[in-house]
Amino acid sequence: MRAVWVAYGAALAVAAATIPEQPADTPIAAAFWADVAATLAIFACSWLYRNSSFYDAYWSAAPPLIGLYWWWNAAPGVASPARAAIAFALVLAWAVRLTWNWARGWQGLHHEDWRYLRLQQQTGAAYWGVSLLGIHGMPTLIVFLGCLPLYPALAAGSRPFGALDVLACAVTGGAIWLEARADQELLRFRREPRDSQAILTTGLWAHSRHPNYLGEMGFWWGLFLFGWSADPDAWWTGVGAVAITAMFRFVSLPIIEQRMNERRPGYAAWSASTPLVVPRLGHR
């Protein structure tokens, strides 16, 4: 774990050193290039230790820092203080909870995410190029797009706090709760002694095969609502929520579904009666 802390400290230092090199009137671009520089620092550690799981915590570590940079450098008197404070507090709560969930499952540098190991087998000598672009680069880009609504919400949007912000609070807060509850149920299930081929079919998991992903997608849509409320012309910032939803639906979830079907004989039958992500009305 010490090596991971050192890696992220170095990434933060690299990002901070990058920002002064950017024009002061381009805060979005400045944050983006700092994000890219930090990602390259983490990739260097992944390559050095031959373990791409160095990157796993980056998903939740970057957004509050990006948001804080925009909020800290915002022109005074523009953004709604209430919206900025609530939106940032929710981002921070999400980040702390998700990072803690990662940390308590950390098994050390001898362990690497099974998806990366499978990718190594599939790509062979080209793996580290794939890791740079696919495991490190693409998620950084998608998460940055997901963070774009924070710019109008924390810094540039001038509309007062209103009804859409109340909806944004409900969606974002509810999504954080949903993901936390689903992760806790999954952790408890894994820790209880049982057949290795057993399937979690109780609690939230009785209504969705992946309620944790439903919560994660909902979080990014909640951020979009904050940005849209701050500035109706910022509708384009929804590209991040769309990209994240598409990545989960068409990349991450199919990989997980394939693995579940390979490892658990009863999963196919369970899949036939239980929705992938969004619960069906009246489903039991």
C-alpha atoms as a PDB file:
ATOM      1  CA  MET A   1       0.000   0.000   0.000  1.00  0.00           C
ATOM      2  CA  ARG A   2       2.908   2.365   0.679  1.00  0.00           C
ATOM      3  CA  ALA A   3       3.984   2.157  -2.956  1.00  0.00           C
ATOM      4  CA  VAL A   4       0.479   3.133  -4.051  1.00  0.00           C
ATOM      5  CA  TRP A   5       0.446   6.173  -1.742  1.00  0.00           C
ATOM      6  CA  VAL A   6       3.837   7.250  -3.057  1.00  0.00           C
ATOM      7  CA  ALA A   7       2.634   6.813  -6.641  1.00  0.00           C
ATOM      8  CA  TYR A   8      -0.428   8.970  -6.089  1.00  0.00           C
ATOM      9  CA  GLY A   9       1.599  11.592  -4.243  1.00  0.00           C
ATOM     10  CA  ALA A  10       3.965  11.755  -7.204  1.00  0.00           C
ATOM     11  CA  ALA A  11       1.026  11.968  -9.617  1.00  0.00           C
ATOM     12  CA  LEU A  12      -0.432  14.882  -7.646  1.00  0.00           C
ATOM     13  CA  ALA A  13       2.918  16.688  -7.716  1.00  0.00           C
ATOM     14  CA  VAL A  14       3.219  16.182 -11.465  1.00  0.00           C
ATOM     15  CA  ALA A  15      -0.310  17.489 -12.008  1.00  0.00           C
ATOM     16  CA  ALA A  16       0.352  20.546  -9.835  1.00  0.00           C
ATOM     17  CA  ALA A  17       3.543  21.293 -11.768  1.00  0.00           C
ATOM     18  CA  THR A  18       1.639  21.098 -15.056  1.00  0.00           C
ATOM     19  CA  ILE A  19      -1.059  23.661 -14.238  1.00  0.00           C
ATOM     20  CA  PRO A  20       1.155  26.809 -14.136  1.00  0.00           C
ATOM     21  CA  GLU A  21       2.280  25.987 -17.680  1.00  0.00           C
ATOM     22  CA  GLN A  22      -1.285  26.424 -18.966  1.00  0.00           C
ATOM     23  CA  PRO A  23      -2.950  29.770 -19.844  1.00  0.00           C
ATOM     24  CA  ALA A  24      -4.836  31.187 -16.858  1.00  0.00           C
ATOM     25  CA  ASP A  25      -7.977  31.764 -18.943  1.00  0.00           C
ATOM     26  CA  THR A  26      -8.386  28.072 -19.909  1.00  0.00           C
ATOM     27  CA  PRO A  27      -9.293  26.306 -16.633  1.00  0.00           C
ATOM     28  CA  ILE A  28     -10.905  23.315 -18.336  1.00  0.00           C
ATOM     29  CA  ALA A  29      -7.854  22.708 -20.533  1.00  0.00           C
ATOM     30  CA  ALA A  30      -5.505  23.254 -17.586  1.00  0.00           C
ATOM     31  CA  ALA A  31      -7.334  20.631 -15.524  1.00  0.00           C
ATOM     32  CA  PHE A  32      -7.375  18.221 -18.455  1.00  0.00           C
ATOM     33  CA  TRP A  33      -3.628  18.362 -19.114  1.00  0.00           C
ATOM     34  CA  ALA A  34      -2.889  18.066 -15.406  1.00  0.00           C
ATOM     35  CA  ASP A  35      -5.150  15.002 -15.362  1.00  0.00           C
ATOM     36  CA  VAL A  36      -3.266  13.513 -18.329  1.00  0.00           C
ATOM     37  CA  ALA A  37       0.105  14.188 -16.664  1.00  0.00           C
ATOM     38  CA  ALA A  38      -1.021  12.513 -13.438  1.00  0.00           C
ATOM     39  CA  THR A  39      -2.291   9.522 -15.411  1.00  0.00           C
ATOM     40  CA  LEU A  40       1.085   9.138 -17.112  1.00  0.00           C
ATOM     41  CA  ALA A  41       2.763   9.199 -13.689  1.00  0.00           C
ATOM     42  CA  ILE A  42       0.486   6.399 -12.487  1.00  0.00           C
ATOM     43  CA  PHE A  43       1.098   4.459 -15.688  1.00  0.00           C
ATOM     44  CA  ALA A  44       4.852   4.730 -15.094  1.00  0.00           C
ATOM     45  CA  CYS A  45       4.333   3.069 -11.701  1.00  0.00           C
ATOM     46  CA  SER A  46       2.087   0.417 -13.234  1.00  0.00           C
ATOM     47  CA  TRP A  47       4.791  -0.389 -15.775  1.00  0.00           C
ATOM     48  CA  LEU A  48       7.589  -0.296 -13.198  1.00  0.00           C
ATOM     49  CA  TYR A  49       5.786  -2.742 -10.900  1.00  0.00           C
ATOM     50  CA  ARG A  50       4.254  -4.698 -13.802  1.00  0.00           C
ATOM     51  CA  ASN A  51       0.796  -4.222 -12.253  1.00  0.00           C
ATOM     52  CA  SER A  52      -1.897  -2.091 -13.923  1.00  0.00           C
ATOM     53  CA  SER A  53      -3.993  -2.183 -10.749  1.00  0.00           C
ATOM     54  CA  PHE A  54      -2.006   0.861  -9.629  1.00  0.00           C
ATOM     55  CA  TYR A  55      -4.596   2.769 -11.621  1.00  0.00           C
ATOM     56  CA  ASP A  56      -7.675   1.311  -9.885  1.00  0.00           C
ATOM     57  CA  ALA A  57      -8.062   4.105  -7.312  1.00  0.00           C
ATOM     58  CA  TYR A  58      -7.624   6.860  -9.888  1.00  0.00           C
ATOM     59  CA  TRP A  59     -11.284   6.700 -10.902  1.00  0.00           C
ATOM     60  CA  SER A  60     -12.390   8.032  -7.517  1.00  0.00           C
ATOM     61  CA  ALA A  61      -9.295  10.086  -6.634  1.00  0.00           C
ATOM     62  CA  ALA A  62      -9.316  12.499  -9.589  1.00  0.00           C
ATOM     63  CA  PRO A  63     -12.852  14.031  -9.595  1.00  0.00           C
ATOM     64  CA  PRO A  64     -12.712  15.887  -6.233  1.00  0.00           C
ATOM     65  CA  LEU A  65      -9.308  17.346  -7.138  1.00  0.00           C
ATOM     66  CA  ILE A  66     -10.562  18.497 -10.541  1.00  0.00           C
ATOM     67  CA  GLY A  67     -13.638  20.026  -8.942  1.00  0.00           C
ATOM     68  CA  LEU A  68     -11.613  21.667  -6.193  1.00  0.00           C
ATOM     69  CA  TYR A  69      -9.287  23.275  -8.743  1.00  0.00           C
ATOM     70  CA  TRP A  70     -12.218  24.813 -10.624  1.00  0.00           C
ATOM     71  CA  TRP A  71     -13.967  25.936  -7.436  1.00  0.00           C
ATOM     72  CA  TRP A  72     -10.810  27.438  -5.940  1.00  0.00           C
ATOM     73  CA  ASN A  73     -10.044  29.424  -9.096  1.00  0.00           C
ATOM     74  CA  ALA A  74     -13.618  30.560  -9.790  1.00  0.00           C
ATOM     75  CA  ALA A  75     -14.373  34.246 -10.149  1.00  0.00           C
ATOM     76  CA  PRO A  76     -16.111  35.459  -6.967  1.00  0.00           C
ATOM     77  CA  GLY A  77     -19.837  36.065  -7.047  1.00  0.00           C
ATOM     78  CA  VAL A  78     -20.615  33.972 -10.137  1.00  0.00           C
ATOM     79  CA  ALA A  79     -21.577  30.461  -9.043  1.00  0.00           C
ATOM     80  CA  SER A  80     -24.300  29.807  -6.478  1.00  0.00           C
ATOM     81  CA  PRO A  81     -22.536  29.156  -3.123  1.00  0.00           C
ATOM     82  CA  ALA A  82     -25.235  26.681  -2.077  1.00  0.00           C
ATOM     83  CA  ARG A  83     -24.997  24.679  -5.296  1.00  0.00           C
ATOM     84  CA  ALA A  84     -21.198  24.696  -5.261  1.00  0.00           C
ATOM     85  CA  ALA A  85     -20.993  23.564  -1.646  1.00  0.00           C
ATOM     86  CA  ILE A  86     -23.577  20.798  -2.015  1.00  0.00           C
ATOM     87  CA  ALA A  87     -22.244  19.503  -5.339  1.00  0.00           C
ATOM     88  CA  PHE A  88     -18.674  19.382  -4.084  1.00  0.00           C
ATOM     89  CA  ALA A  89     -19.700  17.746  -0.800  1.00  0.00           C
ATOM     90  CA  LEU A  90     -21.467  14.995  -2.727  1.00  0.00           C
ATOM     91  CA  VAL A  91     -18.475  14.457  -5.009  1.00  0.00           C
ATOM     92  CA  LEU A  92     -16.209  14.245  -1.969  1.00  0.00           C
ATOM     93  CA  ALA A  93     -18.545  11.812  -0.203  1.00  0.00           C
ATOM     94  CA  TRP A  94     -18.673   9.627  -3.311  1.00  0.00           C
ATOM     95  CA  ALA A  95     -14.879   9.730  -3.704  1.00  0.00           C
ATOM     96  CA  VAL A  96     -14.098   8.907  -0.071  1.00  0.00           C
ATOM     97  CA  ARG A  97     -16.592   6.047   0.014  1.00  0.00           C
ATOM     98  CA  LEU A  98     -15.500   4.526  -3.283  1.00  0.00           C
ATOM     99  CA  THR A  99     -11.797   4.864  -2.474  1.00  0.00           C
ATOM    100  CA  TRP A 100     -12.390   3.246   0.915  1.00  0.00           C
ATOM    101  CA  ASN A 101     -14.239   0.402  -0.785  1.00  0.00           C
ATOM    102  CA  TRP A 102     -11.210  -0.089  -3.037  1.00  0.00           C
ATOM    103  CA  ALA A 103      -8.742   0.127  -0.127  1.00  0.00           C
ATOM    104  CA  ARG A 104     -10.484  -2.458   2.036  1.00  0.00           C
ATOM    105  CA  GLY A 105     -10.390  -4.904  -0.856  1.00  0.00           C
ATOM    106  CA  TRP A 106      -6.741  -4.225  -1.706  1.00  0.00           C
ATOM    107  CA  GLN A 107      -4.747  -7.452  -1.577  1.00  0.00           C
ATOM    108  CA  GLY A 108      -1.283  -6.049  -2.260  1.00  0.00           C
ATOM    109  CA  LEU A 109       0.948  -5.742  -5.293  1.00  0.00           C
ATOM    110  CA  HIS A 110       1.029  -9.506  -5.720  1.00  0.00           C
ATOM    111  CA  HIS A 111      -2.603  -9.240  -6.877  1.00  0.00           C
ATOM    112  CA  GLU A 112      -3.904  -7.730 -10.117  1.00  0.00           C
ATOM    113  CA  ASP A 113      -7.434  -7.245 -11.431  1.00  0.00           C
ATOM    114  CA  TRP A 114      -8.571 -10.368 -13.306  1.00  0.00           C
ATOM    115  CA  ARG A 115      -9.641  -8.250 -16.287  1.00  0.00           C
ATOM    116  CA  TYR A 116      -6.079  -6.989 -16.735  1.00  0.00           C
ATOM    117  CA  LEU A 117      -4.681 -10.499 -16.507  1.00  0.00           C
ATOM    118  CA  ARG A 118      -7.104 -11.661 -19.175  1.00  0.00           C
ATOM    119  CA  LEU A 119      -6.125  -8.709 -21.352  1.00  0.00           C
ATOM    120  CA  GLN A 120      -2.440  -9.637 -20.963  1.00  0.00           C
ATOM    121  CA  GLN A 121      -3.187 -13.129 -22.221  1.00  0.00           C
ATOM    122  CA  GLN A 122      -5.122 -11.754 -25.180  1.00  0.00           C
ATOM    123  CA  THR A 123      -2.650  -9.049 -26.255  1.00  0.00           C
ATOM    124  CA  GLY A 124       0.743 -10.572 -25.421  1.00  0.00           C
ATOM    125  CA  ALA A 125       3.682  -8.266 -26.213  1.00  0.00           C
ATOM    126  CA  ALA A 126       1.327  -5.386 -27.064  1.00  0.00           C
ATOM    127  CA  TYR A 127      -0.135  -5.371 -23.562  1.00  0.00           C
ATOM    128  CA  TRP A 128       1.600  -2.278 -22.177  1.00  0.00           C
ATOM    129  CA  GLY A 129       0.482  -0.170 -25.103  1.00  0.00           C
ATOM    130  CA  VAL A 130      -3.036  -1.449 -24.531  1.00  0.00           C
ATOM    131  CA  SER A 131      -2.697  -0.726 -20.821  1.00  0.00           C
ATOM    132  CA  LEU A 132      -1.583   2.858 -21.478  1.00  0.00           C
ATOM    133  CA  LEU A 133      -4.440   3.601 -23.857  1.00  0.00           C
ATOM    134  CA  GLY A 134      -7.212   1.333 -22.618  1.00  0.00           C
ATOM    135  CA  ILE A 135      -6.719   0.783 -18.887  1.00  0.00           C
ATOM    136  CA  HIS A 136      -5.207   4.172 -18.031  1.00  0.00           C
ATOM    137  CA  GLY A 137      -5.907   6.657 -20.819  1.00  0.00           C
ATOM    138  CA  MET A 138      -9.491   5.913 -21.820  1.00  0.00           C
ATOM    139  CA  PRO A 139     -10.933   5.879 -18.268  1.00  0.00           C
ATOM    140  CA  THR A 140      -9.112   9.147 -17.503  1.00  0.00           C
ATOM    141  CA  LEU A 141     -10.707  10.749 -20.550  1.00  0.00           C
ATOM    142  CA  ILE A 142     -14.173   9.400 -19.748  1.00  0.00           C
ATOM    143  CA  VAL A 143     -14.021  10.458 -16.093  1.00  0.00           C
ATOM    144  CA  PHE A 144     -12.821  13.919 -17.101  1.00  0.00           C
ATOM    145  CA  LEU A 145     -15.819  14.209 -19.408  1.00  0.00           C
ATOM    146  CA  GLY A 146     -18.001  13.096 -16.508  1.00  0.00           C
ATOM    147  CA  CYS A 147     -16.537  15.893 -14.385  1.00  0.00           C
ATOM    148  CA  LEU A 148     -17.315  18.644 -16.925  1.00  0.00           C
ATOM    149  CA  PRO A 149     -20.661  19.565 -15.291  1.00  0.00           C
ATOM    150  CA  LEU A 150     -18.696  20.537 -12.187  1.00  0.00           C
ATOM    151  CA  TYR A 151     -17.254  23.523 -14.023  1.00  0.00           C
ATOM    152  CA  PRO A 152     -20.582  25.351 -14.407  1.00  0.00           C
ATOM    153  CA  ALA A 153     -21.805  24.016 -11.048  1.00  0.00           C
ATOM    154  CA  LEU A 154     -18.754  25.152  -9.062  1.00  0.00           C
ATOM    155  CA  ALA A 155     -17.325  28.036 -11.054  1.00  0.00           C
ATOM    156  CA  ALA A 156     -19.086  29.415 -14.106  1.00  0.00           C
ATOM    157  CA  GLY A 157     -22.850  28.874 -13.954  1.00  0.00           C
ATOM    158  CA  SER A 158     -24.702  31.933 -12.670  1.00  0.00           C
ATOM    159  CA  ARG A 159     -28.277  30.692 -12.267  1.00  0.00           C
ATOM    160  CA  PRO A 160     -29.518  30.649  -8.658  1.00  0.00           C
ATOM    161  CA  PHE A 161     -30.119  27.434  -6.736  1.00  0.00           C
ATOM    162  CA  GLY A 162     -33.481  26.013  -7.806  1.00  0.00           C
ATOM    163  CA  ALA A 163     -35.758  23.033  -8.266  1.00  0.00           C
ATOM    164  CA  LEU A 164     -33.407  21.266 -10.681  1.00  0.00           C
ATOM    165  CA  ASP A 165     -30.705  21.421  -8.018  1.00  0.00           C
ATOM    166  CA  VAL A 166     -33.055  19.707  -5.582  1.00  0.00           C
ATOM    167  CA  LEU A 167     -33.523  16.934  -8.139  1.00  0.00           C
ATOM    168  CA  ALA A 168     -29.747  16.796  -8.651  1.00  0.00           C
ATOM    169  CA  CYS A 169     -29.254  16.382  -4.893  1.00  0.00           C
ATOM    170  CA  ALA A 170     -31.774  13.545  -4.798  1.00  0.00           C
ATOM    171  CA  VAL A 171     -30.308  11.734  -7.809  1.00  0.00           C
ATOM    172  CA  THR A 172     -26.667  12.134  -6.763  1.00  0.00           C
ATOM    173  CA  GLY A 173     -27.232  11.397  -3.085  1.00  0.00           C
ATOM    174  CA  GLY A 174     -29.513   8.474  -3.861  1.00  0.00           C
ATOM    175  CA  ALA A 175     -26.966   7.042  -6.286  1.00  0.00           C
ATOM    176  CA  ILE A 176     -24.204   7.233  -3.677  1.00  0.00           C
ATOM    177  CA  TRP A 177     -26.426   5.454  -1.161  1.00  0.00           C
ATOM    178  CA  LEU A 178     -27.425   2.801  -3.707  1.00  0.00           C
ATOM    179  CA  GLU A 179     -23.836   2.039  -4.680  1.00  0.00           C
ATOM    180  CA  ALA A 180     -22.699   1.962  -1.054  1.00  0.00           C
ATOM    181  CA  ARG A 181     -25.520  -0.371  -0.048  1.00  0.00           C
ATOM    182  CA  ALA A 182     -24.878  -2.690  -3.003  1.00  0.00           C
ATOM    183  CA  ASP A 183     -21.127  -2.810  -2.310  1.00  0.00           C
ATOM    184  CA  GLN A 184     -21.737  -3.576   1.369  1.00  0.00           C
ATOM    185  CA  GLU A 185     -24.143  -6.395   0.542  1.00  0.00           C
ATOM    186  CA  LEU A 186     -21.627  -7.828  -1.920  1.00  0.00           C
ATOM    187  CA  LEU A 187     -18.777  -7.601   0.597  1.00  0.00           C
ATOM    188  CA  ARG A 188     -20.834  -9.368   3.270  1.00  0.00           C
ATOM    189  CA  PHE A 189     -21.803 -12.075   0.775  1.00  0.00           C
ATOM    190  CA  ARG A 190     -18.172 -12.691  -0.173  1.00  0.00           C
ATOM    191  CA  ARG A 191     -17.050 -12.913   3.442  1.00  0.00           C
ATOM    192  CA  GLU A 192     -19.661 -15.457   4.490  1.00  0.00           C
ATOM    193  CA  PRO A 193     -18.709 -19.133   4.086  1.00  0.00           C
ATOM    194  CA  ARG A 194     -20.636 -20.585   1.165  1.00  0.00           C
ATOM    195  CA  ASP A 195     -20.363 -22.542  -2.089  1.00  0.00           C
ATOM    196  CA  SER A 196     -17.912 -20.772  -4.429  1.00  0.00           C
ATOM    197  CA  GLN A 197     -20.516 -21.008  -7.207  1.00  0.00           C
ATOM    198  CA  ALA A 198     -23.243 -19.281  -5.191  1.00  0.00           C
ATOM    199  CA  ILE A 199     -24.942 -16.168  -6.589  1.00  0.00           C
ATOM    200  CA  LEU A 200     -25.983 -13.117  -4.586  1.00  0.00           C
ATOM    201  CA  THR A 201     -29.759 -12.918  -5.027  1.00  0.00           C
ATOM    202  CA  THR A 202     -30.905 -11.004  -1.948  1.00  0.00           C
ATOM    203  CA  GLY A 203     -31.253  -7.352  -0.988  1.00  0.00           C
ATOM    204  CA  LEU A 204     -30.698  -4.937  -3.852  1.00  0.00           C
ATOM    205  CA  TRP A 205     -29.256  -7.804  -5.878  1.00  0.00           C
ATOM    206  CA  ALA A 206     -32.664  -9.469  -5.961  1.00  0.00           C
ATOM    207  CA  HIS A 207     -33.883  -6.714  -8.281  1.00  0.00           C
ATOM    208  CA  SER A 208     -30.796  -6.012 -10.411  1.00  0.00           C
ATOM    209  CA  ARG A 209     -27.808  -8.120 -11.394  1.00  0.00           C
ATOM    210  CA  HIS A 210     -25.560  -5.054 -10.986  1.00  0.00           C
ATOM    211  CA  PRO A 211     -27.107  -2.489  -8.608  1.00  0.00           C
ATOM    212  CA  ASN A 212     -23.644  -1.079  -7.820  1.00  0.00           C
ATOM    213  CA  TYR A 213     -23.263  -0.084 -11.471  1.00  0.00           C
ATOM    214  CA  LEU A 214     -26.731   1.456 -11.424  1.00  0.00           C
ATOM    215  CA  GLY A 215     -25.613   3.636  -8.518  1.00  0.00           C
ATOM    216  CA  GLU A 216     -22.379   4.597 -10.256  1.00  0.00           C
ATOM    217  CA  MET A 217     -24.147   5.623 -13.451  1.00  0.00           C
ATOM    218  CA  GLY A 218     -26.744   7.553 -11.469  1.00  0.00           C
ATOM    219  CA  PHE A 219     -24.002   9.534  -9.724  1.00  0.00           C
ATOM    220  CA  TRP A 220     -22.676  10.947 -13.003  1.00  0.00           C
ATOM    221  CA  TRP A 221     -26.165  11.808 -14.229  1.00  0.00           C
ATOM    222  CA  GLY A 222     -26.707  13.648 -10.940  1.00  0.00           C
ATOM    223  CA  LEU A 223     -23.592  15.740 -11.578  1.00  0.00           C
ATOM    224  CA  PHE A 224     -24.927  16.587 -15.014  1.00  0.00           C
ATOM    225  CA  LEU A 225     -28.140  17.906 -13.438  1.00  0.00           C
ATOM    226  CA  PHE A 226     -26.095  20.218 -11.210  1.00  0.00           C
ATOM    227  CA  GLY A 227     -24.214  21.596 -14.219  1.00  0.00           C
ATOM    228  CA  TRP A 228     -27.356  21.977 -16.298  1.00  0.00           C
ATOM    229  CA  SER A 229     -29.112  23.784 -13.471  1.00  0.00           C
ATOM    230  CA  ALA A 230     -26.181  26.196 -13.135  1.00  0.00           C
ATOM    231  CA  ASP A 231     -26.147  26.958 -16.859  1.00  0.00           C
ATOM    232  CA  PRO A 232     -28.875  25.756 -19.275  1.00  0.00           C
ATOM    233  CA  ASP A 233     -26.412  26.204 -22.141  1.00  0.00           C
ATOM    234  CA  ALA A 234     -24.148  23.577 -20.509  1.00  0.00           C
ATOM    235  CA  TRP A 235     -26.329  20.724 -21.812  1.00  0.00           C
ATOM    236  CA  TRP A 236     -23.269  19.498 -23.721  1.00  0.00           C
ATOM    237  CA  THR A 237     -21.597  18.506 -20.450  1.00  0.00           C
ATOM    238  CA  GLY A 238     -23.951  15.527 -20.441  1.00  0.00           C
ATOM    239  CA  VAL A 239     -21.538  13.860 -22.871  1.00  0.00           C
ATOM    240  CA  GLY A 240     -19.647  12.539 -19.829  1.00  0.00           C
ATOM    241  CA  ALA A 241     -22.633  10.776 -18.284  1.00  0.00           C
ATOM    242  CA  VAL A 242     -23.508   9.335 -21.700  1.00  0.00           C
ATOM    243  CA  ALA A 243     -19.932   8.086 -22.217  1.00  0.00           C
ATOM    244  CA  ILE A 244     -19.737   6.496 -18.763  1.00  0.00           C
ATOM    245  CA  THR A 245     -23.122   4.829 -19.156  1.00  0.00           C
ATOM    246  CA  ALA A 246     -22.109   3.491 -22.574  1.00  0.00           C
ATOM    247  CA  MET A 247     -18.765   2.211 -21.258  1.00  0.00           C
ATOM    248  CA  PHE A 248     -20.436   0.306 -18.439  1.00  0.00           C
ATOM    249  CA  ARG A 249     -23.270  -1.017 -20.582  1.00  0.00           C
ATOM    250  CA  PHE A 250     -21.266  -2.113 -23.614  1.00  0.00           C
ATOM    251  CA  VAL A 251     -17.770  -2.829 -22.215  1.00  0.00           C
ATOM    252  CA  SER A 252     -17.578  -3.444 -18.458  1.00  0.00           C
ATOM    253  CA  LEU A 253     -20.846  -5.283 -17.885  1.00  0.00           C
ATOM    254  CA  PRO A 254     -20.528  -7.709 -20.834  1.00  0.00           C
ATOM    255  CA  ILE A 255     -17.065  -8.727 -19.558  1.00  0.00           C
ATOM    256  CA  ILE A 256     -18.422  -9.325 -16.049  1.00  0.00           C
ATOM    257  CA  GLU A 257     -21.450 -11.180 -17.382  1.00  0.00           C
ATOM    258  CA  GLN A 258     -19.210 -13.476 -19.427  1.00  0.00           C
ATOM    259  CA  ARG A 259     -17.078 -14.265 -16.385  1.00  0.00           C
ATOM    260  CA  MET A 260     -20.125 -14.945 -14.203  1.00  0.00           C
ATOM    261  CA  ASN A 261     -21.542 -17.325 -16.789  1.00  0.00           C
ATOM    262  CA  GLU A 262     -18.191 -19.126 -17.000  1.00  0.00           C
ATOM    263  CA  ARG A 263     -17.762 -19.500 -13.236  1.00  0.00           C
ATOM    264  CA  ARG A 264     -21.316 -19.991 -11.955  1.00  0.00           C
ATOM    265  CA  PRO A 265     -23.491 -22.626 -13.682  1.00  0.00           C
ATOM    266  CA  GLY A 266     -26.743 -21.160 -12.345  1.00  0.00           C
ATOM    267  CA  TYR A 267     -26.053 -17.634 -13.481  1.00  0.00           C
ATOM    268  CA  ALA A 268     -27.637 -17.962 -16.920  1.00  0.00           C
ATOM    269  CA  ALA A 269     -30.966 -18.996 -15.392  1.00  0.00           C
ATOM    270  CA  TRP A 270     -30.739 -16.146 -12.879  1.00  0.00           C
ATOM    271  CA  SER A 271     -29.989 -13.703 -15.689  1.00  0.00           C
ATOM    272  CA  ALA A 272     -33.100 -14.741 -17.555  1.00  0.00           C
ATOM    273  CA  SER A 273     -35.324 -13.598 -14.701  1.00  0.00           C
ATOM    274  CA  THR A 274     -33.406 -10.613 -13.305  1.00  0.00           C
ATOM    275  CA  PRO A 275     -32.703  -7.297 -15.098  1.00  0.00           C
ATOM    276  CA  LEU A 276     -29.107  -6.441 -15.947  1.00  0.00           C
ATOM    277  CA  VAL A 277     -29.075  -2.993 -14.302  1.00  0.00           C
ATOM    278  CA  VAL A 278     -32.412  -1.173 -14.061  1.00  0.00           C
ATOM    279  CA  PRO A 279     -35.024  -3.047 -11.975  1.00  0.00           C
ATOM    280  CA  ARG A 280     -38.315  -3.815 -13.654  1.00  0.00           C
ATOM    281  CA  LEU A 281     -41.505  -2.511 -12.118  1.00  0.00           C
ATOM    282  CA  GLY A 282     -43.068  -5.286 -10.090  1.00  0.00           C
ATOM    283  CA  HIS A 283     -40.005  -7.564 -10.353  1.00  0.00           C
ATOM    284  CA  ARG A 284     -39.373  -9.805  -7.344  1.00  0.00           C
END
